[in-house]
Amino acid sequence: MRAWYTHLSDCLLFISFLAFKVNTSLFILSDETNIFYLLVYINDILLTGCNSVMLHRLIQLLSSKFKLRDLGAVQYFLGIEVQSTGMGLMLRQHKYILNILTRAGMTSCKPVDTPVSSSKAIILLDNSFFDPTWFHQIMGTLQYITFTCPDICFVVNKVC
């Protein structure tokens, strides 16, 4: 897998993509009028950009170097629902959030405004929080939700 990623990375850099420093799975290609993003997750690639003709050319170029299967417009990727709008892409995690609430046994809980008070202590009412594995899994999934719900960052990090 590492050899495949290295080969892909070298190919992308050769065709003028830039490796994103903070996230090594993200590559960006831009010029004065166009921008393209390529995201790699294990052996899945998500490629999007503002110019459909050039996007098609990039797909053809990558297909000549790698075995690819074009699945068309993205609708769901890594637990994130993607909806194309006139202004760009809208990202949601509604289904992912419902799955987490079900897993945590919290589907009947009422919503609470955030951010919470930074001076009040958090009181644990449920013994399931004392299972470190379960707690870490739930906290990890909540941190992932902050990609599309930045308004919960404070409270998620406070609980973590």
N, C-alpha and C. Protein backbone atom coordinates (compact mmCIF):
# COMPACT_ATOMS: atom_id res chain seq x y z
N MET A 1 0.83 -1.19 0.00
CA MET A 1 0.00 0.00 0.00
C MET A 1 0.88 1.26 0.00
N ARG A 2 1.95 1.23 0.78
CA ARG A 2 2.83 2.39 0.84
C ARG A 2 3.46 2.66 -0.53
N ALA A 3 3.84 1.60 -1.25
CA ALA A 3 4.45 1.76 -2.58
C ALA A 3 3.43 2.39 -3.54
N TRP A 4 2.16 1.96 -3.44
CA TRP A 4 1.12 2.53 -4.30
C TRP A 4 0.94 4.02 -4.01
N TYR A 5 0.88 4.37 -2.72
CA TYR A 5 0.72 5.77 -2.35
C TYR A 5 1.90 6.60 -2.82
N THR A 6 3.11 6.07 -2.67
CA THR A 6 4.31 6.79 -3.11
C THR A 6 4.26 7.02 -4.62
N HIS A 7 3.87 5.98 -5.36
CA HIS A 7 3.76 6.11 -6.82
C HIS A 7 2.70 7.15 -7.20
N LEU A 8 1.54 7.10 -6.53
CA LEU A 8 0.47 8.07 -6.78
C LEU A 8 0.94 9.48 -6.44
N SER A 9 1.55 9.63 -5.29
CA SER A 9 2.05 10.94 -4.86
C SER A 9 3.07 11.51 -5.86
N ASP A 10 4.01 10.68 -6.28
CA ASP A 10 5.01 11.12 -7.26
C ASP A 10 4.35 11.56 -8.57
N CYS A 11 3.35 10.81 -9.01
CA CYS A 11 2.63 11.14 -10.24
C CYS A 11 1.90 12.48 -10.09
N LEU A 12 1.23 12.67 -8.96
CA LEU A 12 0.49 13.93 -8.73
C LEU A 12 1.44 15.11 -8.67
N LEU A 13 2.56 14.96 -8.00
CA LEU A 13 3.54 16.05 -7.93
C LEU A 13 4.11 16.36 -9.30
N PHE A 14 4.30 15.33 -10.11
CA PHE A 14 4.82 15.51 -11.47
C PHE A 14 3.87 16.33 -12.33
N ILE A 15 2.56 16.16 -12.13
CA ILE A 15 1.59 16.92 -12.94
C ILE A 15 1.15 18.21 -12.24
N SER A 16 1.98 18.69 -11.31
CA SER A 16 1.85 20.01 -10.68
C SER A 16 0.88 20.10 -9.51
N PHE A 17 0.41 18.98 -9.00
CA PHE A 17 -0.33 19.04 -7.75
C PHE A 17 0.66 19.38 -6.65
N LEU A 18 0.19 20.06 -5.62
CA LEU A 18 1.01 20.34 -4.44
C LEU A 18 0.49 19.50 -3.29
N ALA A 19 1.40 18.90 -2.55
CA ALA A 19 1.01 18.13 -1.37
C ALA A 19 0.68 19.10 -0.26
N PHE A 20 -0.46 18.93 0.36
CA PHE A 20 -0.89 19.77 1.46
C PHE A 20 -0.08 19.39 2.68
N LYS A 21 0.56 20.35 3.32
CA LYS A 21 1.49 20.07 4.42
C LYS A 21 0.80 19.52 5.67
N VAL A 22 -0.37 20.04 5.99
CA VAL A 22 -1.05 19.64 7.22
C VAL A 22 -1.70 18.27 7.09
N ASN A 23 -2.24 17.96 5.92
CA ASN A 23 -2.92 16.70 5.67
C ASN A 23 -2.25 16.04 4.47
N THR A 24 -1.45 15.02 4.70
CA THR A 24 -0.68 14.41 3.61
C THR A 24 -1.53 13.63 2.62
N SER A 25 -2.80 13.47 2.89
CA SER A 25 -3.67 12.78 1.94
C SER A 25 -4.37 13.75 0.99
N LEU A 26 -4.11 15.04 1.14
CA LEU A 26 -4.75 16.06 0.29
C LEU A 26 -3.72 16.68 -0.65
N PHE A 27 -4.10 16.74 -1.92
CA PHE A 27 -3.27 17.36 -2.96
C PHE A 27 -4.10 18.44 -3.64
N ILE A 28 -3.45 19.55 -3.98
CA ILE A 28 -4.15 20.69 -4.57
C ILE A 28 -3.44 21.10 -5.85
N LEU A 29 -4.22 21.33 -6.90
CA LEU A 29 -3.70 21.84 -8.17
C LEU A 29 -4.47 23.12 -8.47
N SER A 30 -3.74 24.22 -8.66
CA SER A 30 -4.43 25.47 -8.96
C SER A 30 -3.61 26.31 -9.92
N ASP A 31 -4.34 27.14 -10.66
CA ASP A 31 -3.72 28.16 -11.50
C ASP A 31 -4.55 29.43 -11.32
N GLU A 32 -4.44 30.36 -12.22
CA GLU A 32 -5.15 31.64 -12.06
C GLU A 32 -6.67 31.50 -12.03
N THR A 33 -7.21 30.49 -12.73
CA THR A 33 -8.66 30.38 -12.85
C THR A 33 -9.25 29.08 -12.32
N ASN A 34 -8.43 28.07 -12.09
CA ASN A 34 -8.95 26.75 -11.71
C ASN A 34 -8.32 26.27 -10.41
N ILE A 35 -9.08 25.44 -9.71
CA ILE A 35 -8.54 24.77 -8.53
C ILE A 35 -9.13 23.37 -8.47
N PHE A 36 -8.27 22.41 -8.12
CA PHE A 36 -8.68 21.01 -8.02
C PHE A 36 -8.14 20.43 -6.72
N TYR A 37 -8.96 19.61 -6.10
CA TYR A 37 -8.58 18.95 -4.85
C TYR A 37 -8.64 17.45 -5.07
N LEU A 38 -7.61 16.76 -4.63
CA LEU A 38 -7.59 15.31 -4.69
C LEU A 38 -7.30 14.80 -3.29
N LEU A 39 -8.21 13.99 -2.77
CA LEU A 39 -8.09 13.45 -1.42
C LEU A 39 -7.94 11.94 -1.53
N VAL A 40 -6.95 11.39 -0.85
CA VAL A 40 -6.67 9.96 -0.86
C VAL A 40 -7.01 9.39 0.51
N TYR A 41 -7.82 8.34 0.53
CA TYR A 41 -8.09 7.62 1.78
C TYR A 41 -7.92 6.13 1.51
N ILE A 42 -6.87 5.56 2.02
CA ILE A 42 -6.45 4.18 1.79
C ILE A 42 -6.32 3.94 0.30
N ASN A 43 -7.32 3.34 -0.35
CA ASN A 43 -7.24 3.17 -1.80
C ASN A 43 -8.41 3.84 -2.53
N ASP A 44 -9.06 4.77 -1.84
CA ASP A 44 -10.13 5.56 -2.45
C ASP A 44 -9.60 6.96 -2.75
N ILE A 45 -10.01 7.49 -3.88
CA ILE A 45 -9.59 8.84 -4.28
C ILE A 45 -10.84 9.66 -4.54
N LEU A 46 -10.86 10.85 -3.99
CA LEU A 46 -11.93 11.81 -4.27
C LEU A 46 -11.27 12.98 -4.98
N LEU A 47 -11.74 13.26 -6.19
CA LEU A 47 -11.19 14.35 -7.00
C LEU A 47 -12.31 15.29 -7.38
N THR A 48 -12.12 16.57 -7.10
CA THR A 48 -13.11 17.56 -7.47
C THR A 48 -12.42 18.85 -7.89
N GLY A 49 -13.12 19.65 -8.65
CA GLY A 49 -12.57 20.92 -9.11
C GLY A 49 -13.61 21.76 -9.77
N CYS A 50 -13.21 22.95 -10.19
CA CYS A 50 -14.16 23.93 -10.71
C CYS A 50 -14.31 23.89 -12.24
N ASN A 51 -13.49 23.11 -12.94
CA ASN A 51 -13.53 23.06 -14.40
C ASN A 51 -13.77 21.62 -14.81
N SER A 52 -14.98 21.31 -15.30
CA SER A 52 -15.34 19.92 -15.59
C SER A 52 -14.52 19.33 -16.74
N VAL A 53 -14.15 20.15 -17.73
CA VAL A 53 -13.34 19.65 -18.85
C VAL A 53 -11.96 19.23 -18.35
N MET A 54 -11.33 20.09 -17.57
CA MET A 54 -10.01 19.77 -17.04
C MET A 54 -10.08 18.63 -16.03
N LEU A 55 -11.16 18.57 -15.29
CA LEU A 55 -11.37 17.48 -14.34
C LEU A 55 -11.41 16.15 -15.08
N HIS A 56 -12.13 16.10 -16.19
CA HIS A 56 -12.21 14.90 -17.01
C HIS A 56 -10.82 14.52 -17.55
N ARG A 57 -10.04 15.51 -17.95
CA ARG A 57 -8.68 15.25 -18.44
C ARG A 57 -7.79 14.68 -17.33
N LEU A 58 -7.94 15.22 -16.14
CA LEU A 58 -7.18 14.68 -15.01
C LEU A 58 -7.54 13.23 -14.72
N ILE A 59 -8.81 12.92 -14.79
CA ILE A 59 -9.27 11.54 -14.58
C ILE A 59 -8.69 10.63 -15.66
N GLN A 60 -8.71 11.08 -16.91
CA GLN A 60 -8.13 10.29 -18.00
C GLN A 60 -6.63 10.07 -17.78
N LEU A 61 -5.94 11.10 -17.38
CA LEU A 61 -4.50 11.00 -17.14
C LEU A 61 -4.21 10.01 -16.02
N LEU A 62 -4.94 10.12 -14.93
CA LEU A 62 -4.74 9.19 -13.81
C LEU A 62 -5.14 7.76 -14.19
N SER A 63 -6.16 7.63 -15.03
CA SER A 63 -6.58 6.31 -15.50
C SER A 63 -5.52 5.64 -16.36
N SER A 64 -4.72 6.43 -17.04
CA SER A 64 -3.65 5.86 -17.87
C SER A 64 -2.50 5.34 -17.01
N LYS A 65 -2.41 5.81 -15.78
CA LYS A 65 -1.32 5.41 -14.88
C LYS A 65 -1.76 4.40 -13.82
N PHE A 66 -3.04 4.44 -13.46
CA PHE A 66 -3.57 3.62 -12.38
C PHE A 66 -4.88 2.98 -12.81
N LYS A 67 -5.21 1.86 -12.19
CA LYS A 67 -6.50 1.23 -12.44
C LYS A 67 -7.54 1.99 -11.62
N LEU A 68 -8.38 2.74 -12.30
CA LEU A 68 -9.40 3.56 -11.64
C LEU A 68 -10.79 3.15 -12.07
N ARG A 69 -11.72 3.42 -11.21
CA ARG A 69 -13.13 3.25 -11.52
C ARG A 69 -13.82 4.55 -11.17
N ASP A 70 -14.30 5.26 -12.17
CA ASP A 70 -14.97 6.54 -11.95
C ASP A 70 -16.40 6.27 -11.49
N LEU A 71 -16.70 6.65 -10.26
CA LEU A 71 -18.03 6.43 -9.71
C LEU A 71 -18.96 7.62 -9.91
N GLY A 72 -18.51 8.60 -10.67
CA GLY A 72 -19.34 9.77 -10.94
C GLY A 72 -19.30 10.77 -9.80
N ALA A 73 -20.32 11.58 -9.75
CA ALA A 73 -20.39 12.62 -8.73
C ALA A 73 -20.49 12.00 -7.34
N VAL A 74 -19.73 12.54 -6.41
CA VAL A 74 -19.72 12.02 -5.06
C VAL A 74 -21.02 12.36 -4.36
N GLN A 75 -21.54 11.37 -3.63
CA GLN A 75 -22.74 11.59 -2.83
C GLN A 75 -22.48 11.30 -1.35
N TYR A 76 -21.53 10.39 -1.09
CA TYR A 76 -21.24 9.99 0.28
C TYR A 76 -19.79 9.54 0.32
N PHE A 77 -19.00 10.11 1.23
CA PHE A 77 -17.58 9.77 1.32
C PHE A 77 -17.15 9.85 2.77
N LEU A 78 -16.68 8.73 3.32
CA LEU A 78 -16.17 8.66 4.68
C LEU A 78 -17.15 9.20 5.72
N GLY A 79 -18.42 8.83 5.58
CA GLY A 79 -19.43 9.26 6.54
C GLY A 79 -19.93 10.67 6.32
N ILE A 80 -19.50 11.30 5.22
CA ILE A 80 -19.92 12.67 4.92
C ILE A 80 -20.79 12.67 3.68
N GLU A 81 -22.01 13.20 3.83
CA GLU A 81 -22.92 13.33 2.69
C GLU A 81 -22.53 14.58 1.92
N VAL A 82 -22.44 14.46 0.61
CA VAL A 82 -22.02 15.57 -0.23
C VAL A 82 -23.17 15.92 -1.18
N GLN A 83 -23.57 17.18 -1.15
CA GLN A 83 -24.63 17.66 -2.02
C GLN A 83 -24.11 18.85 -2.81
N SER A 84 -24.23 18.78 -4.12
CA SER A 84 -23.78 19.86 -4.98
C SER A 84 -24.85 20.95 -5.03
N THR A 85 -24.42 22.19 -4.84
CA THR A 85 -25.33 23.33 -4.92
C THR A 85 -24.75 24.33 -5.91
N GLY A 86 -25.46 25.37 -6.19
CA GLY A 86 -24.98 26.41 -7.09
C GLY A 86 -23.76 27.14 -6.55
N MET A 87 -23.57 27.10 -5.24
CA MET A 87 -22.45 27.80 -4.61
C MET A 87 -21.25 26.87 -4.36
N GLY A 88 -21.41 25.58 -4.61
CA GLY A 88 -20.33 24.63 -4.37
C GLY A 88 -20.87 23.35 -3.77
N LEU A 89 -20.12 22.76 -2.87
CA LEU A 89 -20.52 21.51 -2.24
C LEU A 89 -20.97 21.77 -0.80
N MET A 90 -22.06 21.13 -0.42
CA MET A 90 -22.55 21.21 0.95
C MET A 90 -22.27 19.87 1.61
N LEU A 91 -21.59 19.90 2.74
CA LEU A 91 -21.22 18.69 3.45
C LEU A 91 -22.07 18.54 4.70
N ARG A 92 -22.59 17.32 4.90
CA ARG A 92 -23.40 17.03 6.08
C ARG A 92 -23.01 15.66 6.61
N GLN A 93 -23.30 15.41 7.87
CA GLN A 93 -23.06 14.11 8.47
C GLN A 93 -24.29 13.60 9.21
N HIS A 94 -25.46 13.91 8.68
CA HIS A 94 -26.71 13.57 9.34
C HIS A 94 -26.82 12.07 9.64
N LYS A 95 -26.61 11.24 8.63
CA LYS A 95 -26.71 9.79 8.81
C LYS A 95 -25.66 9.29 9.81
N TYR A 96 -24.46 9.81 9.71
CA TYR A 96 -23.38 9.44 10.62
C TYR A 96 -23.73 9.81 12.06
N ILE A 97 -24.29 10.99 12.24
CA ILE A 97 -24.69 11.46 13.58
C ILE A 97 -25.79 10.58 14.16
N LEU A 98 -26.78 10.22 13.34
CA LEU A 98 -27.85 9.34 13.82
C LEU A 98 -27.31 7.98 14.22
N ASN A 99 -26.34 7.46 13.46
CA ASN A 99 -25.72 6.18 13.82
C ASN A 99 -25.00 6.27 15.17
N ILE A 100 -24.32 7.38 15.41
CA ILE A 100 -23.61 7.57 16.69
C ILE A 100 -24.62 7.67 17.84
N LEU A 101 -25.68 8.44 17.64
CA LEU A 101 -26.70 8.57 18.68
C LEU A 101 -27.33 7.22 19.01
N THR A 102 -27.56 6.41 17.99
CA THR A 102 -28.11 5.07 18.21
C THR A 102 -27.12 4.21 18.98
N ARG A 103 -25.86 4.23 18.56
CA ARG A 103 -24.82 3.44 19.22
C ARG A 103 -24.64 3.85 20.68
N ALA A 104 -24.80 5.14 20.96
CA ALA A 104 -24.63 5.64 22.32
C ALA A 104 -25.91 5.55 23.15
N GLY A 105 -27.01 5.08 22.52
CA GLY A 105 -28.28 4.99 23.23
C GLY A 105 -28.86 6.35 23.56
N MET A 106 -28.65 7.33 22.68
CA MET A 106 -29.07 8.71 22.97
C MET A 106 -30.04 9.26 21.93
N THR A 107 -30.77 8.41 21.22
CA THR A 107 -31.68 8.90 20.18
C THR A 107 -32.85 9.70 20.73
N SER A 108 -33.19 9.49 22.00
CA SER A 108 -34.32 10.22 22.57
C SER A 108 -33.89 11.45 23.37
N CYS A 109 -32.62 11.76 23.37
CA CYS A 109 -32.12 12.94 24.10
C CYS A 109 -32.57 14.22 23.42
N LYS A 110 -32.74 15.25 24.22
CA LYS A 110 -33.14 16.55 23.71
C LYS A 110 -31.90 17.38 23.37
N PRO A 111 -31.97 18.19 22.31
CA PRO A 111 -30.82 19.03 21.97
C PRO A 111 -30.62 20.15 23.00
N VAL A 112 -29.39 20.58 23.12
CA VAL A 112 -29.03 21.66 24.04
C VAL A 112 -28.21 22.67 23.26
N ASP A 113 -28.45 23.94 23.52
CA ASP A 113 -27.66 24.97 22.86
C ASP A 113 -26.20 24.87 23.25
N THR A 114 -25.32 25.20 22.33
CA THR A 114 -23.88 25.26 22.61
C THR A 114 -23.40 26.65 22.25
N PRO A 115 -22.34 27.14 22.76
CA PRO A 115 -21.44 26.42 23.65
C PRO A 115 -21.99 26.38 25.07
N VAL A 116 -21.50 25.43 25.82
CA VAL A 116 -21.90 25.29 27.22
C VAL A 116 -21.07 26.24 28.06
N SER A 117 -21.45 26.38 29.29
CA SER A 117 -20.69 27.23 30.20
C SER A 117 -19.30 26.64 30.41
N SER A 118 -18.29 27.46 30.32
CA SER A 118 -16.92 26.97 30.53
C SER A 118 -16.58 26.86 32.02
N SER A 119 -17.45 27.39 32.88
CA SER A 119 -17.14 27.36 34.31
C SER A 119 -17.84 26.22 35.05
N LYS A 120 -18.83 25.60 34.43
CA LYS A 120 -19.56 24.52 35.10
C LYS A 120 -18.88 23.18 34.83
N ALA A 121 -18.86 22.34 35.84
CA ALA A 121 -18.28 20.99 35.70
C ALA A 121 -19.27 20.09 34.97
N ILE A 122 -18.74 19.11 34.27
CA ILE A 122 -19.57 18.13 33.58
C ILE A 122 -19.85 16.99 34.55
N ILE A 123 -21.12 16.67 34.70
CA ILE A 123 -21.52 15.61 35.63
C ILE A 123 -21.91 14.39 34.80
N LEU A 124 -21.27 13.27 35.09
CA LEU A 124 -21.56 12.02 34.37
C LEU A 124 -22.71 11.31 35.07
N LEU A 125 -23.80 11.08 34.33
CA LEU A 125 -24.97 10.45 34.91
C LEU A 125 -25.08 8.98 34.53
N ASP A 126 -24.24 8.53 33.64
CA ASP A 126 -24.37 7.19 33.08
C ASP A 126 -23.06 6.43 33.32
N ASN A 127 -23.16 5.22 33.82
CA ASN A 127 -21.97 4.41 34.08
C ASN A 127 -21.24 3.99 32.81
N SER A 128 -21.89 4.06 31.64
CA SER A 128 -21.23 3.64 30.40
C SER A 128 -20.03 4.53 30.09
N PHE A 129 -19.99 5.73 30.67
CA PHE A 129 -18.84 6.61 30.46
C PHE A 129 -17.60 6.08 31.17
N PHE A 130 -17.78 5.14 32.07
CA PHE A 130 -16.63 4.59 32.78
C PHE A 130 -15.96 3.45 32.03
N ASP A 131 -16.52 3.05 30.89
CA ASP A 131 -15.87 2.07 30.02
C ASP A 131 -14.96 2.86 29.08
N PRO A 132 -13.65 2.85 29.31
CA PRO A 132 -12.74 3.71 28.54
C PRO A 132 -12.80 3.44 27.04
N THR A 133 -12.94 2.18 26.63
CA THR A 133 -12.97 1.87 25.20
C THR A 133 -14.20 2.49 24.55
N TRP A 134 -15.36 2.31 25.16
CA TRP A 134 -16.60 2.87 24.62
C TRP A 134 -16.51 4.40 24.59
N PHE A 135 -16.04 4.98 25.68
CA PHE A 135 -15.94 6.44 25.77
C PHE A 135 -15.00 6.98 24.68
N HIS A 136 -13.84 6.36 24.49
CA HIS A 136 -12.89 6.82 23.47
C HIS A 136 -13.47 6.70 22.06
N GLN A 137 -14.21 5.64 21.81
CA GLN A 137 -14.84 5.47 20.49
C GLN A 137 -15.86 6.58 20.24
N ILE A 138 -16.70 6.84 21.21
CA ILE A 138 -17.72 7.89 21.06
C ILE A 138 -17.06 9.26 20.90
N MET A 139 -16.04 9.54 21.69
CA MET A 139 -15.35 10.84 21.58
C MET A 139 -14.67 10.99 20.23
N GLY A 140 -14.09 9.92 19.72
CA GLY A 140 -13.45 9.97 18.40
C GLY A 140 -14.45 10.27 17.31
N THR A 141 -15.64 9.64 17.39
CA THR A 141 -16.66 9.91 16.38
C THR A 141 -17.20 11.33 16.50
N LEU A 142 -17.31 11.83 17.73
CA LEU A 142 -17.77 13.22 17.90
C LEU A 142 -16.74 14.20 17.37
N GLN A 143 -15.46 13.91 17.55
CA GLN A 143 -14.44 14.79 16.99
C GLN A 143 -14.51 14.79 15.46
N TYR A 144 -14.82 13.65 14.86
CA TYR A 144 -14.96 13.58 13.40
C TYR A 144 -16.14 14.43 12.93
N ILE A 145 -17.20 14.50 13.72
CA ILE A 145 -18.37 15.30 13.35
C ILE A 145 -18.04 16.79 13.30
N THR A 146 -17.04 17.22 14.05
CA THR A 146 -16.71 18.65 14.08
C THR A 146 -16.25 19.17 12.72
N PHE A 147 -15.92 18.28 11.77
CA PHE A 147 -15.58 18.73 10.41
C PHE A 147 -16.74 19.48 9.77
N THR A 148 -17.96 18.97 9.98
CA THR A 148 -19.12 19.62 9.38
C THR A 148 -19.97 20.36 10.41
N CYS A 149 -19.67 20.22 11.67
CA CYS A 149 -20.41 20.90 12.74
C CYS A 149 -19.42 21.61 13.67
N PRO A 150 -18.75 22.64 13.18
CA PRO A 150 -17.75 23.29 14.02
C PRO A 150 -18.33 23.93 15.28
N ASP A 151 -19.64 24.13 15.31
CA ASP A 151 -20.26 24.74 16.49
C ASP A 151 -20.20 23.84 17.72
N ILE A 152 -19.88 22.55 17.56
CA ILE A 152 -19.79 21.67 18.72
C ILE A 152 -18.34 21.44 19.16
N CYS A 153 -17.38 22.09 18.52
CA CYS A 153 -15.96 21.87 18.84
C CYS A 153 -15.66 22.11 20.31
N PHE A 154 -16.15 23.22 20.85
CA PHE A 154 -15.84 23.55 22.24
C PHE A 154 -16.32 22.45 23.18
N VAL A 155 -17.57 22.08 23.08
CA VAL A 155 -18.13 21.11 24.02
C VAL A 155 -17.51 19.73 23.82
N VAL A 156 -17.24 19.34 22.58
CA VAL A 156 -16.60 18.03 22.34
C VAL A 156 -15.21 18.01 22.97
N ASN A 157 -14.43 19.07 22.76
CA ASN A 157 -13.10 19.12 23.33
C ASN A 157 -13.13 19.22 24.86
N LYS A 158 -14.14 19.87 25.40
CA LYS A 158 -14.28 19.95 26.86
C LYS A 158 -14.54 18.55 27.43
N VAL A 159 -15.40 17.80 26.79
CA VAL A 159 -15.70 16.44 27.27
C VAL A 159 -14.49 15.54 27.10
N CYS A 160 -13.76 15.71 25.99
CA CYS A 160 -12.56 14.88 25.79
C CYS A 160 -11.54 15.16 26.88
